[in-house]
């Protein structure tokens, strides 16, 4: 399997824990892990990979985690070309307290990277989740993997394993 770049922003550590679990679930040595605050320099870091996993928690009224804000502004200015790159999204949210914006940050990342030419894979059915609204839902499915460690932590490992199995053929 080709190397996968995992880029994540995490404030409270939940998205970081998800990113670390993703590394464990893929074969050893397949993934390089980047914390957006500490390790990300510019889009060349991402463009060296054909396959990317991008993670963000959702904050405020459905916004991306703080470490993603400047890179997304830079994306608008620099217009990096992600054509030919396969990207899968994952994120943390709270479906009870923030069900009106549940994992909406994934929808923001989806919009930016689709606009930059990326192929986004790894959609997830919504039927196993309880929420009222999400900007991350397109055509009845989440654009990536939602994780709710606050209310549904018992489902996390199963959700990650099932999601990775859908990605393996796409990331061959």
N, C-alpha and C. Protein backbone atom coordinates (compact mmCIF):
# COMPACT_ATOMS: atom_id res chain seq x y z
N UNK A 1 0.84 -1.18 0.00
CA UNK A 1 0.00 0.00 0.00
C UNK A 1 0.88 1.24 0.00
N UNK A 2 0.48 2.24 -0.74
CA UNK A 2 1.19 3.51 -0.82
C UNK A 2 1.06 4.28 0.48
N UNK A 3 2.02 5.15 0.76
CA UNK A 3 1.98 5.98 1.97
C UNK A 3 0.75 6.87 1.97
N UNK A 4 0.19 7.04 3.16
CA UNK A 4 -0.98 7.89 3.38
C UNK A 4 -0.56 9.01 4.32
N UNK A 5 -0.90 10.24 3.98
CA UNK A 5 -0.67 11.37 4.87
C UNK A 5 -1.93 11.64 5.67
N UNK A 6 -1.79 11.65 6.99
CA UNK A 6 -2.91 11.97 7.86
C UNK A 6 -2.64 13.33 8.48
N UNK A 7 -3.51 14.28 8.19
CA UNK A 7 -3.38 15.65 8.68
C UNK A 7 -4.60 15.96 9.55
N UNK A 8 -4.37 16.42 10.76
CA UNK A 8 -5.49 16.67 11.65
C UNK A 8 -5.26 17.93 12.49
N UNK A 9 -6.35 18.55 12.89
CA UNK A 9 -6.35 19.63 13.86
C UNK A 9 -7.13 19.16 15.06
N UNK A 10 -6.59 19.42 16.25
CA UNK A 10 -7.24 18.92 17.47
C UNK A 10 -7.00 19.90 18.61
N UNK A 11 -8.06 20.33 19.25
CA UNK A 11 -7.95 21.23 20.39
C UNK A 11 -8.00 20.46 21.70
N UNK A 12 -9.02 19.62 21.86
CA UNK A 12 -9.20 18.88 23.10
C UNK A 12 -8.57 17.49 23.07
N UNK A 13 -8.00 17.10 21.92
CA UNK A 13 -7.31 15.82 21.81
C UNK A 13 -8.13 14.69 21.22
N UNK A 14 -9.43 14.88 21.00
CA UNK A 14 -10.26 13.80 20.48
C UNK A 14 -9.89 13.47 19.04
N UNK A 15 -9.77 14.48 18.20
CA UNK A 15 -9.42 14.23 16.79
C UNK A 15 -8.01 13.66 16.69
N UNK A 16 -7.12 14.08 17.55
CA UNK A 16 -5.78 13.50 17.59
C UNK A 16 -5.84 12.01 17.93
N UNK A 17 -6.66 11.64 18.91
CA UNK A 17 -6.82 10.23 19.27
C UNK A 17 -7.38 9.42 18.10
N UNK A 18 -8.32 9.99 17.36
CA UNK A 18 -8.88 9.31 16.19
C UNK A 18 -7.78 9.11 15.15
N UNK A 19 -6.99 10.16 14.90
CA UNK A 19 -5.89 10.07 13.93
C UNK A 19 -4.91 8.98 14.32
N UNK A 20 -4.59 8.90 15.60
CA UNK A 20 -3.66 7.87 16.08
C UNK A 20 -4.26 6.47 15.92
N UNK A 21 -5.57 6.33 16.14
CA UNK A 21 -6.23 5.04 15.92
C UNK A 21 -6.19 4.66 14.45
N UNK A 22 -6.35 5.63 13.57
CA UNK A 22 -6.30 5.35 12.14
C UNK A 22 -4.94 4.79 11.75
N UNK A 23 -3.87 5.35 12.32
CA UNK A 23 -2.52 4.84 12.06
C UNK A 23 -2.43 3.37 12.49
N UNK A 24 -3.00 3.06 13.66
CA UNK A 24 -2.95 1.69 14.17
C UNK A 24 -3.71 0.72 13.26
N UNK A 25 -4.84 1.15 12.72
CA UNK A 25 -5.68 0.26 11.91
C UNK A 25 -5.11 -0.01 10.53
N UNK A 26 -4.31 0.91 9.99
CA UNK A 26 -3.65 0.64 8.73
C UNK A 26 -2.38 -0.15 9.02
N UNK A 27 -1.82 -0.78 8.01
CA UNK A 27 -0.59 -1.55 8.20
C UNK A 27 0.53 -0.64 8.70
N UNK A 28 1.41 -1.22 9.53
CA UNK A 28 2.50 -0.45 10.11
C UNK A 28 3.37 0.19 9.03
N UNK A 29 3.73 1.41 9.24
CA UNK A 29 4.61 2.13 8.32
C UNK A 29 3.90 2.73 7.12
N UNK A 30 2.60 2.60 7.03
CA UNK A 30 1.86 3.10 5.86
C UNK A 30 1.51 4.58 6.00
N UNK A 31 1.33 5.05 7.23
CA UNK A 31 0.83 6.41 7.45
C UNK A 31 1.89 7.33 8.05
N UNK A 32 1.89 8.58 7.58
CA UNK A 32 2.64 9.66 8.20
C UNK A 32 1.63 10.58 8.85
N UNK A 33 1.87 10.95 10.10
CA UNK A 33 0.92 11.72 10.89
C UNK A 33 1.39 13.16 11.03
N UNK A 34 0.49 14.11 10.72
CA UNK A 34 0.80 15.53 10.80
C UNK A 34 -0.22 16.25 11.67
N UNK A 35 0.24 16.89 12.71
CA UNK A 35 -0.59 17.78 13.50
C UNK A 35 -0.55 19.13 12.77
N UNK A 36 -1.70 19.66 12.41
CA UNK A 36 -1.75 20.90 11.62
C UNK A 36 -1.06 22.06 12.32
N UNK A 37 -1.11 22.10 13.63
CA UNK A 37 -0.48 23.20 14.37
C UNK A 37 1.03 23.06 14.41
N UNK A 38 1.52 21.85 14.63
CA UNK A 38 2.95 21.65 14.87
C UNK A 38 3.74 21.22 13.64
N UNK A 39 3.12 20.47 12.72
CA UNK A 39 3.88 19.83 11.65
C UNK A 39 3.62 20.37 10.25
N UNK A 40 2.51 21.06 10.05
CA UNK A 40 2.14 21.51 8.71
C UNK A 40 2.87 22.80 8.37
N UNK A 41 3.59 22.78 7.23
CA UNK A 41 4.29 23.98 6.78
C UNK A 41 3.57 24.64 5.62
N UNK A 42 3.29 23.83 4.59
CA UNK A 42 2.55 24.35 3.43
C UNK A 42 1.94 23.17 2.68
N UNK A 43 1.25 23.45 1.59
CA UNK A 43 0.52 22.39 0.89
C UNK A 43 1.42 21.36 0.24
N UNK A 44 2.69 21.67 0.08
CA UNK A 44 3.63 20.66 -0.43
C UNK A 44 3.68 19.46 0.51
N UNK A 45 3.46 19.71 1.82
CA UNK A 45 3.41 18.60 2.77
C UNK A 45 2.32 17.61 2.37
N UNK A 46 1.17 18.12 1.95
CA UNK A 46 0.05 17.26 1.56
C UNK A 46 0.22 16.71 0.15
N UNK A 47 0.72 17.53 -0.75
CA UNK A 47 0.78 17.16 -2.16
C UNK A 47 1.78 16.04 -2.45
N UNK A 48 2.65 15.72 -1.50
CA UNK A 48 3.58 14.60 -1.71
C UNK A 48 2.88 13.24 -1.62
N UNK A 49 1.62 13.23 -1.14
CA UNK A 49 0.85 11.99 -0.97
C UNK A 49 -0.23 11.90 -2.03
N UNK A 50 -0.48 10.68 -2.52
CA UNK A 50 -1.62 10.45 -3.40
C UNK A 50 -2.89 10.25 -2.60
N UNK A 51 -2.73 9.81 -1.33
CA UNK A 51 -3.86 9.50 -0.46
C UNK A 51 -3.73 10.29 0.83
N UNK A 52 -4.81 10.96 1.21
CA UNK A 52 -4.81 11.79 2.40
C UNK A 52 -6.02 11.48 3.27
N UNK A 53 -5.82 11.50 4.57
CA UNK A 53 -6.90 11.47 5.54
C UNK A 53 -6.81 12.81 6.27
N UNK A 54 -7.90 13.56 6.24
CA UNK A 54 -7.91 14.89 6.85
C UNK A 54 -8.93 14.93 7.97
N UNK A 55 -8.50 15.38 9.16
CA UNK A 55 -9.38 15.37 10.31
C UNK A 55 -9.52 16.71 10.98
N UNK A 56 -10.75 16.98 11.41
CA UNK A 56 -11.03 18.21 12.15
C UNK A 56 -12.23 18.00 13.05
N UNK A 57 -12.16 18.57 14.23
CA UNK A 57 -13.36 18.65 15.06
C UNK A 57 -14.15 19.87 14.58
N UNK A 58 -15.38 19.97 15.05
CA UNK A 58 -16.26 21.08 14.68
C UNK A 58 -16.43 21.99 15.88
N UNK A 59 -16.30 23.30 15.63
CA UNK A 59 -16.37 24.29 16.70
C UNK A 59 -17.37 25.38 16.36
N UNK A 60 -17.79 26.09 17.39
CA UNK A 60 -18.68 27.24 17.21
C UNK A 60 -19.96 26.84 16.50
N UNK A 61 -20.29 27.58 15.48
CA UNK A 61 -21.52 27.31 14.72
C UNK A 61 -21.22 26.48 13.48
N UNK A 62 -20.41 25.42 13.66
CA UNK A 62 -20.12 24.51 12.56
C UNK A 62 -18.83 24.80 11.84
N UNK A 63 -17.86 25.39 12.51
CA UNK A 63 -16.59 25.78 11.90
C UNK A 63 -15.53 24.70 12.08
N UNK A 64 -14.47 24.80 11.26
CA UNK A 64 -13.33 23.90 11.41
C UNK A 64 -12.55 24.25 12.67
N UNK A 65 -11.78 23.30 13.14
CA UNK A 65 -10.90 23.50 14.28
C UNK A 65 -9.89 24.58 13.92
N UNK A 66 -9.43 25.37 14.90
CA UNK A 66 -8.58 26.54 14.67
C UNK A 66 -7.36 26.30 13.80
N UNK A 67 -6.71 25.14 13.93
CA UNK A 67 -5.48 24.88 13.18
C UNK A 67 -5.71 24.76 11.68
N UNK A 68 -6.96 24.60 11.27
CA UNK A 68 -7.30 24.52 9.84
C UNK A 68 -7.61 25.89 9.24
N UNK A 69 -7.89 26.89 10.05
CA UNK A 69 -8.37 28.17 9.53
C UNK A 69 -7.38 28.86 8.59
N UNK A 70 -6.15 29.06 9.03
CA UNK A 70 -5.15 29.72 8.18
C UNK A 70 -4.85 28.91 6.92
N UNK A 71 -4.65 27.58 7.02
CA UNK A 71 -4.43 26.83 5.78
C UNK A 71 -5.58 26.96 4.78
N UNK A 72 -6.81 27.03 5.25
CA UNK A 72 -7.93 27.17 4.31
C UNK A 72 -7.95 28.55 3.67
N UNK A 73 -7.56 29.58 4.41
CA UNK A 73 -7.43 30.91 3.82
C UNK A 73 -6.31 30.89 2.79
N UNK A 74 -5.19 30.24 3.13
CA UNK A 74 -4.08 30.12 2.18
C UNK A 74 -4.51 29.36 0.93
N UNK A 75 -5.37 28.38 1.11
CA UNK A 75 -5.86 27.59 -0.02
C UNK A 75 -6.61 28.48 -1.01
N UNK A 76 -7.39 29.40 -0.48
CA UNK A 76 -8.12 30.33 -1.35
C UNK A 76 -7.16 31.20 -2.14
N UNK A 77 -6.05 31.61 -1.52
CA UNK A 77 -5.08 32.49 -2.17
C UNK A 77 -4.14 31.72 -3.11
N UNK A 78 -3.61 30.60 -2.64
CA UNK A 78 -2.59 29.87 -3.38
C UNK A 78 -3.15 28.93 -4.44
N UNK A 79 -4.37 28.48 -4.25
CA UNK A 79 -5.04 27.56 -5.19
C UNK A 79 -4.20 26.33 -5.51
N UNK A 80 -3.79 25.55 -4.48
CA UNK A 80 -3.04 24.32 -4.76
C UNK A 80 -3.91 23.35 -5.55
N UNK A 81 -3.26 22.55 -6.39
CA UNK A 81 -3.98 21.62 -7.25
C UNK A 81 -3.93 20.21 -6.66
N UNK A 82 -5.09 19.72 -6.22
CA UNK A 82 -5.19 18.39 -5.64
C UNK A 82 -5.77 17.38 -6.63
N UNK A 83 -5.75 17.71 -7.90
CA UNK A 83 -6.23 16.79 -8.92
C UNK A 83 -5.42 15.49 -8.84
N UNK A 84 -6.12 14.37 -8.86
CA UNK A 84 -5.46 13.07 -8.79
C UNK A 84 -5.24 12.58 -7.37
N UNK A 85 -5.55 13.40 -6.38
CA UNK A 85 -5.39 12.99 -4.98
C UNK A 85 -6.72 12.45 -4.46
N UNK A 86 -6.65 11.34 -3.73
CA UNK A 86 -7.83 10.80 -3.06
C UNK A 86 -7.77 11.21 -1.60
N UNK A 87 -8.86 11.78 -1.14
CA UNK A 87 -8.92 12.31 0.21
C UNK A 87 -10.13 11.72 0.92
N UNK A 88 -9.92 11.31 2.18
CA UNK A 88 -11.01 10.87 3.04
C UNK A 88 -10.99 11.74 4.28
N UNK A 89 -12.17 12.08 4.78
CA UNK A 89 -12.32 13.01 5.88
C UNK A 89 -12.81 12.30 7.14
N UNK A 90 -12.35 12.76 8.29
CA UNK A 90 -12.83 12.25 9.57
C UNK A 90 -12.90 13.40 10.56
N UNK A 91 -13.78 13.26 11.53
CA UNK A 91 -13.89 14.34 12.49
C UNK A 91 -14.67 13.97 13.72
N UNK A 92 -14.47 14.79 14.75
CA UNK A 92 -15.14 14.61 16.02
C UNK A 92 -16.26 15.62 16.18
N UNK A 93 -17.33 15.15 16.82
CA UNK A 93 -18.45 16.03 17.09
C UNK A 93 -19.24 15.53 18.28
N UNK A 94 -20.22 16.31 18.69
CA UNK A 94 -21.10 15.97 19.81
C UNK A 94 -22.53 16.06 19.31
N UNK A 95 -23.14 14.91 19.07
CA UNK A 95 -24.46 14.89 18.44
C UNK A 95 -25.58 15.37 19.38
N UNK A 96 -25.34 15.35 20.70
CA UNK A 96 -26.38 15.81 21.63
C UNK A 96 -26.32 17.32 21.85
N UNK A 97 -25.18 17.83 22.26
CA UNK A 97 -25.07 19.27 22.54
C UNK A 97 -24.96 20.12 21.28
N UNK A 98 -24.44 19.54 20.21
CA UNK A 98 -24.23 20.31 18.97
C UNK A 98 -24.81 19.57 17.78
N UNK A 99 -25.97 18.97 17.96
CA UNK A 99 -26.62 18.21 16.90
C UNK A 99 -27.04 19.04 15.71
N UNK A 100 -27.13 20.35 15.89
CA UNK A 100 -27.52 21.22 14.78
C UNK A 100 -26.35 21.53 13.84
N UNK A 101 -25.12 21.20 14.27
CA UNK A 101 -23.93 21.41 13.44
C UNK A 101 -23.01 20.20 13.51
N UNK A 102 -23.57 19.04 13.73
CA UNK A 102 -22.78 17.84 13.96
C UNK A 102 -21.76 17.61 12.85
N UNK A 103 -20.52 17.54 13.18
CA UNK A 103 -19.35 17.36 12.31
C UNK A 103 -19.39 18.20 11.03
N UNK A 104 -19.96 19.39 11.11
CA UNK A 104 -20.06 20.26 9.93
C UNK A 104 -18.71 20.67 9.38
N UNK A 105 -17.66 20.63 10.19
CA UNK A 105 -16.32 20.95 9.70
C UNK A 105 -15.93 20.05 8.53
N UNK A 106 -16.41 18.80 8.53
CA UNK A 106 -16.11 17.90 7.42
C UNK A 106 -16.67 18.44 6.12
N UNK A 107 -17.83 19.05 6.17
CA UNK A 107 -18.43 19.65 4.97
C UNK A 107 -17.60 20.80 4.45
N UNK A 108 -17.01 21.58 5.35
CA UNK A 108 -16.15 22.69 4.94
C UNK A 108 -14.90 22.16 4.26
N UNK A 109 -14.25 21.17 4.87
CA UNK A 109 -13.06 20.58 4.24
C UNK A 109 -13.42 19.97 2.89
N UNK A 110 -14.55 19.29 2.84
CA UNK A 110 -15.02 18.69 1.59
C UNK A 110 -15.12 19.75 0.49
N UNK A 111 -15.76 20.86 0.79
CA UNK A 111 -15.94 21.92 -0.21
C UNK A 111 -14.60 22.47 -0.70
N UNK A 112 -13.69 22.73 0.21
CA UNK A 112 -12.39 23.29 -0.17
C UNK A 112 -11.59 22.32 -1.03
N UNK A 113 -11.53 21.07 -0.62
CA UNK A 113 -10.68 20.12 -1.34
C UNK A 113 -11.31 19.66 -2.65
N UNK A 114 -12.62 19.57 -2.71
CA UNK A 114 -13.29 19.29 -4.00
C UNK A 114 -13.00 20.43 -4.98
N UNK A 115 -13.11 21.65 -4.51
CA UNK A 115 -12.83 22.83 -5.35
C UNK A 115 -11.39 22.80 -5.86
N UNK A 116 -10.48 22.23 -5.08
CA UNK A 116 -9.06 22.14 -5.47
C UNK A 116 -8.78 20.92 -6.33
N UNK A 117 -9.82 20.15 -6.70
CA UNK A 117 -9.65 19.05 -7.63
C UNK A 117 -9.54 17.67 -7.02
N UNK A 118 -9.58 17.56 -5.70
CA UNK A 118 -9.44 16.25 -5.05
C UNK A 118 -10.66 15.38 -5.28
N UNK A 119 -10.44 14.08 -5.24
CA UNK A 119 -11.53 13.11 -5.23
C UNK A 119 -11.74 12.73 -3.77
N UNK A 120 -12.92 13.01 -3.25
CA UNK A 120 -13.21 12.71 -1.85
C UNK A 120 -13.93 11.37 -1.79
N UNK A 121 -13.39 10.46 -0.98
CA UNK A 121 -13.95 9.11 -0.81
C UNK A 121 -14.27 8.90 0.67
N UNK A 122 -14.94 7.79 0.97
CA UNK A 122 -15.16 7.44 2.36
C UNK A 122 -16.44 7.98 2.96
N UNK A 123 -17.47 8.12 2.14
CA UNK A 123 -18.74 8.59 2.68
C UNK A 123 -19.32 7.55 3.64
N UNK A 124 -20.14 8.02 4.58
CA UNK A 124 -20.70 7.17 5.62
C UNK A 124 -22.21 7.40 5.72
N UNK A 125 -23.00 6.34 5.75
CA UNK A 125 -24.46 6.50 5.91
C UNK A 125 -24.79 7.23 7.23
N UNK A 126 -25.86 7.99 7.22
CA UNK A 126 -26.26 8.76 8.40
C UNK A 126 -27.13 7.99 9.37
N UNK A 127 -27.63 6.83 8.97
CA UNK A 127 -28.67 6.16 9.75
C UNK A 127 -28.22 5.65 11.12
N UNK A 128 -26.95 5.53 11.40
CA UNK A 128 -26.49 5.08 12.71
C UNK A 128 -26.16 6.25 13.65
N UNK A 129 -26.53 7.47 13.25
CA UNK A 129 -26.20 8.66 14.02
C UNK A 129 -27.47 9.42 14.40
N UNK A 130 -27.41 10.09 15.56
CA UNK A 130 -28.51 10.93 16.01
C UNK A 130 -28.03 12.38 15.96
N UNK A 131 -28.65 13.18 15.12
CA UNK A 131 -28.29 14.59 14.99
C UNK A 131 -29.45 15.28 14.28
N UNK A 132 -29.49 16.60 14.34
CA UNK A 132 -30.59 17.30 13.68
C UNK A 132 -30.18 17.89 12.33
N UNK A 133 -28.91 18.30 12.21
CA UNK A 133 -28.47 18.94 10.97
C UNK A 133 -26.94 18.86 10.89
N UNK A 134 -26.43 18.81 9.66
CA UNK A 134 -24.99 18.80 9.46
C UNK A 134 -24.67 19.28 8.06
N UNK A 135 -23.70 20.18 7.97
CA UNK A 135 -23.20 20.63 6.67
C UNK A 135 -22.36 19.54 6.00
N UNK A 136 -22.08 18.47 6.74
CA UNK A 136 -21.27 17.37 6.21
C UNK A 136 -22.11 16.31 5.51
N UNK A 137 -23.42 16.51 5.43
CA UNK A 137 -24.28 15.53 4.76
C UNK A 137 -24.54 16.00 3.33
N UNK A 138 -24.24 15.10 2.39
CA UNK A 138 -24.49 15.35 0.97
C UNK A 138 -25.15 14.10 0.41
N UNK A 139 -26.21 14.29 -0.30
CA UNK A 139 -26.95 13.17 -0.89
C UNK A 139 -27.27 12.08 0.14
N UNK A 140 -27.63 12.51 1.36
CA UNK A 140 -28.06 11.58 2.38
C UNK A 140 -26.97 10.84 3.12
N UNK A 141 -25.70 11.18 2.87
CA UNK A 141 -24.59 10.53 3.56
C UNK A 141 -23.61 11.58 4.07
N UNK A 142 -22.88 11.22 5.14
CA UNK A 142 -21.79 12.08 5.59
C UNK A 142 -20.66 11.99 4.57
N UNK A 143 -19.96 13.10 4.36
CA UNK A 143 -18.84 13.12 3.41
C UNK A 143 -17.59 12.44 3.96
N UNK A 144 -17.63 12.04 5.21
CA UNK A 144 -16.52 11.36 5.84
C UNK A 144 -16.98 10.66 7.09
N UNK A 145 -16.04 10.29 7.93
CA UNK A 145 -16.32 9.52 9.13
C UNK A 145 -16.58 10.43 10.34
N UNK A 146 -17.82 10.46 10.85
CA UNK A 146 -18.11 11.19 12.09
C UNK A 146 -17.84 10.30 13.31
N UNK A 147 -17.21 10.87 14.30
CA UNK A 147 -16.97 10.17 15.56
C UNK A 147 -17.50 11.05 16.70
N UNK A 148 -18.29 10.44 17.58
CA UNK A 148 -18.81 11.14 18.75
C UNK A 148 -18.32 10.41 19.99
N UNK A 149 -17.18 10.84 20.49
CA UNK A 149 -16.57 10.21 21.67
C UNK A 149 -17.30 10.59 22.95
N UNK A 150 -18.11 11.62 22.92
CA UNK A 150 -18.81 12.06 24.12
C UNK A 150 -20.05 11.20 24.39
N UNK A 151 -20.82 10.92 23.36
CA UNK A 151 -22.09 10.21 23.52
C UNK A 151 -22.09 8.79 23.00
N UNK A 152 -21.18 8.46 22.08
CA UNK A 152 -21.21 7.15 21.44
C UNK A 152 -19.82 6.53 21.35
N UNK A 153 -19.03 6.67 22.39
CA UNK A 153 -17.65 6.17 22.34
C UNK A 153 -17.59 4.66 22.15
N UNK A 154 -18.62 3.96 22.57
CA UNK A 154 -18.64 2.51 22.41
C UNK A 154 -18.71 2.09 20.94
N UNK A 155 -19.06 3.01 20.05
CA UNK A 155 -19.15 2.71 18.62
C UNK A 155 -17.91 3.11 17.83
N UNK A 156 -16.97 3.80 18.48
CA UNK A 156 -15.83 4.37 17.76
C UNK A 156 -15.01 3.32 17.04
N UNK A 157 -14.55 2.31 17.73
CA UNK A 157 -13.67 1.32 17.08
C UNK A 157 -14.37 0.62 15.92
N UNK A 158 -15.61 0.25 16.12
CA UNK A 158 -16.37 -0.41 15.05
C UNK A 158 -16.53 0.51 13.84
N UNK A 159 -16.81 1.78 14.10
CA UNK A 159 -16.97 2.74 13.00
C UNK A 159 -15.66 2.93 12.24
N UNK A 160 -14.56 3.05 12.97
CA UNK A 160 -13.26 3.22 12.32
C UNK A 160 -12.93 2.00 11.47
N UNK A 161 -13.09 0.81 12.04
CA UNK A 161 -12.78 -0.42 11.30
C UNK A 161 -13.61 -0.54 10.03
N UNK A 162 -14.90 -0.27 10.12
CA UNK A 162 -15.77 -0.37 8.94
C UNK A 162 -15.38 0.67 7.90
N UNK A 163 -15.04 1.86 8.33
CA UNK A 163 -14.67 2.93 7.40
C UNK A 163 -13.37 2.60 6.68
N UNK A 164 -12.39 2.11 7.43
CA UNK A 164 -11.11 1.76 6.81
C UNK A 164 -11.30 0.65 5.78
N UNK A 165 -12.16 -0.29 6.06
CA UNK A 165 -12.41 -1.36 5.09
C UNK A 165 -12.99 -0.79 3.79
N UNK A 166 -13.78 0.27 3.86
CA UNK A 166 -14.29 0.88 2.63
C UNK A 166 -13.20 1.68 1.91
N UNK A 167 -12.20 2.13 2.66
CA UNK A 167 -11.11 2.92 2.06
C UNK A 167 -10.03 2.05 1.41
N UNK A 168 -9.76 0.89 1.98
CA UNK A 168 -8.66 0.06 1.47
C UNK A 168 -8.67 -0.13 -0.03
N UNK A 169 -9.81 -0.50 -0.65
CA UNK A 169 -9.79 -0.66 -2.10
C UNK A 169 -9.53 0.65 -2.85
N UNK A 170 -9.94 1.76 -2.26
CA UNK A 170 -9.77 3.06 -2.90
C UNK A 170 -8.33 3.56 -2.75
N UNK A 171 -7.65 3.11 -1.69
CA UNK A 171 -6.28 3.54 -1.40
C UNK A 171 -5.27 2.46 -1.76
N UNK A 172 -5.60 1.62 -2.73
CA UNK A 172 -4.73 0.49 -3.09
C UNK A 172 -3.44 0.97 -3.70
